Amino acid sequence: MKFFSTSQIRELDKFTIENEPIASIDLMERAAVAITNKYVELFKSDYPVCILAGPGNNGGDALAVARMLLQRKYRVTAILLSSDSLSADCKANYRRLEIQFPHSVNELTKKFIDPEISKDTVIIDGIFGSGLTRPLGGIYADAVSWINKSSLPVVSIDIPSGLQGEENSDLSVPIVKADYTLSLQFPKLAFFFPENAKFVGKWELLDIGIHPVAISSTESNYYYQNHSDITQLIKPRPDSSHKGTFGHALIIAGSKGMAGASILAGKAALRSGAGLVSVHGPASNRIIVQSSVPELIFYSDKSEDHISEVRLAHSYDVIAIGPGIGQSAETVAFLKEMLAKLDSPCILDADALNIISQNKEILSIIPKHSILTPHPKEFERLFGSSKNAFERMLKAQEMAQKYRLIIILKGRHTLIATPDGKLTFNSSGNSGMATAGTGDVLTGILVSLLAQGYSPENAAKAGVYLHGLAGDLSLASQSKESLIAGDVIEHLGRAFMTFHFS
């Protein structure tokens, strides 16, 4: 799914108003209906509601929601904060609310007065929306402070008030800490950055009918991939096939004491559909790996303890390098020599990335469209520090374009940066996957998909999503605390089954 910057969203709204056509107040009414319906799903009318509305269109949404909840017999306390002049649509909804429910709004213009509400009240935050460009002050800052001190459930309309839609360089300013954020039509870029999670809470998208022509014709570098997007990428498995149909993957992994990395990556590659999977590792790991996963082909390095050389005696469709290989001098020399010889995309993970971070000249010899899979610390070692996740995203975009690479920046909403400048955020996965070995599993999935003929970009997108989905499916039998990398592998079959191929 393509999504947009806050300035573009304003243009999309404008296009919809002009070309549907629909009056702006009626588009606001449509948004308020969607918000109200979702709110009613979340909270019964037993819970009183305190709605705080600001002077702009976000406040207009909030006042319309107040009217609709009163129509549904909810007990509503509505507060309009209006030290600034009201927008036309906010003023119109204020008038509608007062006509239908006289004296239902307490308007505060100079000083915020704590409302008298019960301890089972739910707060709806409609003070400011995604167009905010400066920190909140005065009555608005006081209202946010009261909300955050209340310890009551908070639902924010479109975006938590005080949070800007893209970069937030200072998170010490007043920002609402929401439990739920009901985002209109599109996610906001700020939702995908980990430092903002404490403000955004759980977010959901509400379709308000933005004109489809406007969406399709507006260019954007931002994408949020979900199940329907990946359904279009997954290839059905033809009946008239043999193991050669699905490729031969080579995983160069492991060092003494790190046989598990080879096992996890190799087993994940097999479970993801590769026809043949070979592992090259130190001789000391041979018995461990082959007794654990007999379906793997194992080639011993001449070294007992680490990777020193790989002679490509066989024809491999794709190679992955890095899980658990360590950083010995011989391994560093091997990696430089191997990458200089490769003329097709490979996958680089873990210690391969750590070696490159100490030998930056290697970046220029990595085959174009190769896939790098750093976590934030590995990314920082490779490309330098960033002051926040927004800056790190821009750096990933820049480096992917500069070196013609695909960068998978792992995290809660794993980011996939591609050489064309596109930035795709992932929707699957959970915090239980923040455990040893899950990165090795991802490497195995990626090398398997590449071996089967997926393009590097599609392998990255599908691999990241499948990895997260298998982790989500694992929670049917595991808690987030108990989930381990092997659980993700064991649920890859169920993940593939969700794409409904017979």
Foldseek 3Di string as FASTA:
>chain_A
DDDDAPVLVVVLLVCPCVVVPDPSLVLLLLLLVLVLVVVCVVDPLVAAEEEEAAQESLSLSRLSNQQVVVVVVRHYQYEYEPLDHHDPSSVVSVVVSCVVPNPRYHYDHAADDDDDDDLRHEYEYSHDAQVDDDFDDGRVLVVLVCQQVSPYAYEYEQFWPRDHQADDLDPVGRTHQHQEYEHEAHHGNVCQFVVCCRRHRHYDYGYSCRDPVSVVPDDDQEAEDDDVNLLVLDDFDDPPDALPLQFEEEEEEAFVVQLVLVQLLQLLLVLLPHSAYEYEWAPLNVVVNCVSPVRYHYDHAPHNGAHQEDDCPDDGLEYEYDYHRDDDPSVLVRLLVVLQPDQDAYEYEHVSLVSCLVVVVSLQSHHAAHEYEEEPVSLCSNQNDDSGVSRSQVSQLVSCQVSNYWYFHDDPQTWTHGNVSHIYTYDFADLLCPAPNLRSSLNSQLSSNSRNPRRSVSSVRNSVHLLRVQRVVLCVPDPSVPDDNVSSSVSSVVSVCVSPRD
